[in-house]
Amino acid sequence: QVQLVESGGGLVQPGGSLRLSCRTSGIIFSIYDMGWYRQAPGKERELVAGITSAGRASFADSVKDRFTISRDNAKNTVYLQMNSLKPEDTARYYCNKRWNHEVWGQGTLVTVSS
């Protein structure tokens, strides 16, 4: 059974940082491109960052130069380091395979507010 378990969210002030983690199980993690997605209230889920199985990263324009994505294949985990957070980054964040999504996990809530 595939499980995607996100963690690391919380309340942070504008300009602050958070590091999200997504631990996966039930998939051969190392062979898949992975992505971090977010969904803000009233909006559709969007891709914010992706990382290929080879470790090549890509980012949405809205987070470029502020977020980094990394993966640890030994731990079946993908990370999202978020710096210089803005109120518009407030959303529930999810990880999933970049293509052919698995069932979504619960996500982790990030709230950026003073």
C-alpha atoms as a PDB file:
ATOM      1  CA  GLN A   1       0.000   0.000   0.000  1.00  0.00           C
ATOM      2  CA  VAL A   2       1.390   3.360  -1.028  1.00  0.00           C
ATOM      3  CA  GLN A   3       1.688   5.981   1.693  1.00  0.00           C
ATOM      4  CA  LEU A   4       2.769   9.593   1.376  1.00  0.00           C
ATOM      5  CA  VAL A   5       3.250  11.283   4.736  1.00  0.00           C
ATOM      6  CA  GLU A   6       3.996  14.990   4.755  1.00  0.00           C
ATOM      7  CA  SER A   7       5.276  16.865   7.789  1.00  0.00           C
ATOM      8  CA  GLY A   8       7.005  20.057   8.813  1.00  0.00           C
ATOM      9  CA  GLY A   9       4.315  22.646   8.267  1.00  0.00           C
ATOM     10  CA  GLY A  10       3.280  25.278  10.746  1.00  0.00           C
ATOM     11  CA  LEU A  11       2.759  28.945  11.388  1.00  0.00           C
ATOM     12  CA  VAL A  12       5.605  31.203  10.341  1.00  0.00           C
ATOM     13  CA  GLN A  13       6.028  34.940   9.973  1.00  0.00           C
ATOM     14  CA  PRO A  14       6.626  36.510   6.575  1.00  0.00           C
ATOM     15  CA  GLY A  15      10.276  36.184   5.672  1.00  0.00           C
ATOM     16  CA  GLY A  16      10.649  33.017   7.703  1.00  0.00           C
ATOM     17  CA  SER A  17      11.615  29.507   6.670  1.00  0.00           C
ATOM     18  CA  LEU A  18      10.247  26.008   6.935  1.00  0.00           C
ATOM     19  CA  ARG A  19      11.467  22.613   5.801  1.00  0.00           C
ATOM     20  CA  LEU A  20       8.856  20.125   4.721  1.00  0.00           C
ATOM     21  CA  SER A  21       9.450  16.387   4.553  1.00  0.00           C
ATOM     22  CA  CYS A  22       7.543  13.693   2.732  1.00  0.00           C
ATOM     23  CA  ARG A  23       8.231  10.125   3.678  1.00  0.00           C
ATOM     24  CA  THR A  24       7.021   7.564   1.172  1.00  0.00           C
ATOM     25  CA  SER A  25       6.410   3.862   1.387  1.00  0.00           C
ATOM     26  CA  GLY A  26       5.036   1.250  -0.955  1.00  0.00           C
ATOM     27  CA  ILE A  27       6.783   2.614  -4.051  1.00  0.00           C
ATOM     28  CA  ILE A  28      10.257   2.185  -5.485  1.00  0.00           C
ATOM     29  CA  PHE A  29      10.994   5.767  -4.575  1.00  0.00           C
ATOM     30  CA  SER A  30      14.341   6.097  -6.323  1.00  0.00           C
ATOM     31  CA  ILE A  31      12.984   5.539  -9.832  1.00  0.00           C
ATOM     32  CA  TYR A  32      10.275   8.180  -9.713  1.00  0.00           C
ATOM     33  CA  ASP A  33      10.272  11.877 -10.396  1.00  0.00           C
ATOM     34  CA  MET A  34       8.653  13.530  -7.402  1.00  0.00           C
ATOM     35  CA  GLY A  35       6.853  16.792  -6.827  1.00  0.00           C
ATOM     36  CA  TRP A  36       5.667  19.111  -4.124  1.00  0.00           C
ATOM     37  CA  TYR A  37       2.222  20.564  -4.666  1.00  0.00           C
ATOM     38  CA  ARG A  38       0.111  23.030  -2.746  1.00  0.00           C
ATOM     39  CA  GLN A  39      -3.518  23.961  -2.507  1.00  0.00           C
ATOM     40  CA  ALA A  40      -4.657  27.249  -1.061  1.00  0.00           C
ATOM     41  CA  PRO A  41      -8.239  27.756   0.105  1.00  0.00           C
ATOM     42  CA  GLY A  42     -10.537  28.183  -2.857  1.00  0.00           C
ATOM     43  CA  LYS A  43      -7.819  27.410  -5.372  1.00  0.00           C
ATOM     44  CA  GLU A  44      -6.767  24.397  -7.375  1.00  0.00           C
ATOM     45  CA  ARG A  45      -3.815  22.285  -6.432  1.00  0.00           C
ATOM     46  CA  GLU A  46      -0.651  23.445  -8.140  1.00  0.00           C
ATOM     47  CA  LEU A  47       2.843  22.095  -8.640  1.00  0.00           C
ATOM     48  CA  VAL A  48       5.452  24.192  -6.898  1.00  0.00           C
ATOM     49  CA  ALA A  49       8.595  22.090  -7.301  1.00  0.00           C
ATOM     50  CA  GLY A  50       9.702  18.896  -8.962  1.00  0.00           C
ATOM     51  CA  ILE A  51      12.756  16.714  -8.791  1.00  0.00           C
ATOM     52  CA  THR A  52      13.660  14.022 -11.254  1.00  0.00           C
ATOM     53  CA  SER A  53      14.936  10.601 -10.284  1.00  0.00           C
ATOM     54  CA  ALA A  54      18.369  11.918 -11.254  1.00  0.00           C
ATOM     55  CA  GLY A  55      18.030  14.883  -8.922  1.00  0.00           C
ATOM     56  CA  ARG A  56      17.287  17.633 -11.404  1.00  0.00           C
ATOM     57  CA  ALA A  57      15.040  20.277  -9.850  1.00  0.00           C
ATOM     58  CA  SER A  58      12.457  22.614 -11.313  1.00  0.00           C
ATOM     59  CA  PHE A  59      10.281  25.270  -9.735  1.00  0.00           C
ATOM     60  CA  ALA A  60       7.185  27.302 -10.349  1.00  0.00           C
ATOM     61  CA  ASP A  61       7.964  30.927 -11.083  1.00  0.00           C
ATOM     62  CA  SER A  62       6.213  31.983  -7.888  1.00  0.00           C
ATOM     63  CA  VAL A  63       8.715  30.132  -5.692  1.00  0.00           C
ATOM     64  CA  LYS A  64      11.863  30.200  -7.795  1.00  0.00           C
ATOM     65  CA  ASP A  65      14.900  31.446  -5.885  1.00  0.00           C
ATOM     66  CA  ARG A  66      13.083  30.946  -2.568  1.00  0.00           C
ATOM     67  CA  PHE A  67      12.361  27.205  -2.439  1.00  0.00           C
ATOM     68  CA  THR A  68      14.665  24.259  -2.950  1.00  0.00           C
ATOM     69  CA  ILE A  69      13.748  20.610  -3.361  1.00  0.00           C
ATOM     70  CA  SER A  70      15.887  17.618  -2.538  1.00  0.00           C
ATOM     71  CA  ARG A  71      15.545  13.899  -2.067  1.00  0.00           C
ATOM     72  CA  ASP A  72      17.150  11.162  -0.022  1.00  0.00           C
ATOM     73  CA  ASN A  73      16.623   7.870  -1.806  1.00  0.00           C
ATOM     74  CA  ALA A  74      18.007   5.908   1.135  1.00  0.00           C
ATOM     75  CA  LYS A  75      15.214   7.336   3.294  1.00  0.00           C
ATOM     76  CA  ASN A  76      12.521   7.314   0.581  1.00  0.00           C
ATOM     77  CA  THR A  77      11.973  10.964   1.441  1.00  0.00           C
ATOM     78  CA  VAL A  78      11.647  14.192  -0.497  1.00  0.00           C
ATOM     79  CA  TYR A  79      12.163  17.599   1.103  1.00  0.00           C
ATOM     80  CA  LEU A  80      11.081  21.143   0.379  1.00  0.00           C
ATOM     81  CA  GLN A  81      13.099  23.947   1.913  1.00  0.00           C
ATOM     82  CA  MET A  82      11.084  27.133   1.874  1.00  0.00           C
ATOM     83  CA  ASN A  83      12.782  30.456   2.552  1.00  0.00           C
ATOM     84  CA  SER A  84      11.598  34.047   2.427  1.00  0.00           C
ATOM     85  CA  LEU A  85       8.049  32.886   2.913  1.00  0.00           C
ATOM     86  CA  LYS A  86       5.206  35.169   1.886  1.00  0.00           C
ATOM     87  CA  PRO A  87       1.557  35.237   2.942  1.00  0.00           C
ATOM     88  CA  GLU A  88       0.627  33.972  -0.517  1.00  0.00           C
ATOM     89  CA  ASP A  89       2.564  30.773   0.215  1.00  0.00           C
ATOM     90  CA  THR A  90      -0.127  29.868   2.732  1.00  0.00           C
ATOM     91  CA  ALA A  91      -1.550  26.526   1.625  1.00  0.00           C
ATOM     92  CA  ARG A  92      -1.669  22.844   2.373  1.00  0.00           C
ATOM     93  CA  TYR A  93       1.378  21.217   0.873  1.00  0.00           C
ATOM     94  CA  TYR A  94       1.465  17.724  -0.571  1.00  0.00           C
ATOM     95  CA  CYS A  95       4.007  15.498  -2.214  1.00  0.00           C
ATOM     96  CA  ASN A  96       3.330  12.945  -4.900  1.00  0.00           C
ATOM     97  CA  LYS A  97       4.910  11.358  -7.898  1.00  0.00           C
ATOM     98  CA  ARG A  98       5.413  13.908 -10.626  1.00  0.00           C
ATOM     99  CA  TRP A  99       3.427  11.763 -13.062  1.00  0.00           C
ATOM    100  CA  ASN A 100       0.721   9.137 -12.539  1.00  0.00           C
ATOM    101  CA  HIS A 101      -0.154  10.344  -9.099  1.00  0.00           C
ATOM    102  CA  GLU A 102      -0.749   8.038  -6.199  1.00  0.00           C
ATOM    103  CA  VAL A 103      -3.543   8.617  -3.698  1.00  0.00           C
ATOM    104  CA  TRP A 104      -2.867  11.950  -2.024  1.00  0.00           C
ATOM    105  CA  GLY A 105      -1.747  12.080   1.574  1.00  0.00           C
ATOM    106  CA  GLN A 106      -3.080  14.420   4.230  1.00  0.00           C
ATOM    107  CA  GLY A 107      -0.624  17.141   3.392  1.00  0.00           C
ATOM    108  CA  THR A 108       0.915  19.569   5.815  1.00  0.00           C
ATOM    109  CA  LEU A 109      -0.479  23.040   6.450  1.00  0.00           C
ATOM    110  CA  VAL A 110       1.750  26.056   6.014  1.00  0.00           C
ATOM    111  CA  THR A 111       0.455  29.374   7.280  1.00  0.00           C
ATOM    112  CA  VAL A 112       2.464  32.524   6.676  1.00  0.00           C
ATOM    113  CA  SER A 113       1.156  35.353   8.771  1.00  0.00           C
ATOM    114  CA  SER A 114       2.311  38.030  11.156  1.00  0.00           C
END
